[in-house]
Every structure is written in structure tokens, then in C-alpha cells.
């Protein structure tokens, strides 16, 4: 029920502003629980750890995801802001990353989705979080990036 309410209020500007403030706490809880608890368990979420394109240091971000086969699909909506989220720029610079999901740490390779593939994945994402349509309108013409995070090597999803 709380997840349903969250999906309804996700369209409001105040929700994005409040949610951005809660990201550091969500990141900390996700790290402490090794990805078992992210976004209070309200929506399917993971912790993405990518390499900072400038710092070279690990950067972790809690993100909603939808499954696509063995892959995890994430979106750089940035709550509808007009600039790309830093983690998406990091993945473009270095697609090697790791996700923590349901208590498992999984090495992944990020694949930016384009064309018909992006359209298909977009439909999956807005089914899970309809507010992405609202964020797209707010983004001021910025194309919101969609990535497939494909498990690689040891720890790959089965």
C-alpha cells in the first residue's frame, strides 16, 4: 500500500525535492544492508557503484530498477532535473560497475539503450514508476538515459 501511495505522489515536484534530500540516507542504509534495503523496500531498488569519471573513486547511488532477463535496467531521470545525473556520466566514461541487490554484489557492464531497445525498456520502467513520464516533461528536452546493467563474470545473475 505504501508503495502504491509513493507511486502516486512521485509525480509532484515536492516529492523529487524531498527524495533528493533522502538519497544520502538511502545510500547509507543500502550500504549497511548490502543492498537488501533500498528505498525502504517500496520499489525494486539497487545500489549502483560506478567509478567517478574525475575522481577515479567509487561512487554509490540507490536506483530503482526493473529486471530484463538477467540484466537490471536503470534510468537517469534525476527526478526531472535538466542535467544528467553524475552516475550516468560515470557509466559513459567507464561502463564497468557493480550492483548490490537483494544482498548480492554483482559485477556489471553498463550498456546505454538506444532506439527501439530504449523504447522497449522505457515502457518497462514507466510501468514500475509512472512518474518517469512527468520527469521527462520536466527535463527540458534532455533525453533521459536508460542503461541495461548486464552481469559479467563471477556473481552474474542466474
Foldseek 3Di string as FASTA:
>chain_A
DVLVVCLVCLQDPVSLVVVVVCFVVQQVVCVVLQAQAHPNPSAFKKWKWFQQPPPRHTDITIFGWDDDPLWTKTKQLSSLAQDGDRVVVRCVNPQWIWIRHNNAIFIWGKDWDDDPRVVVRVVVVCVRRVSSVSSCVSNPPDDMIMIITATDDPRRGD
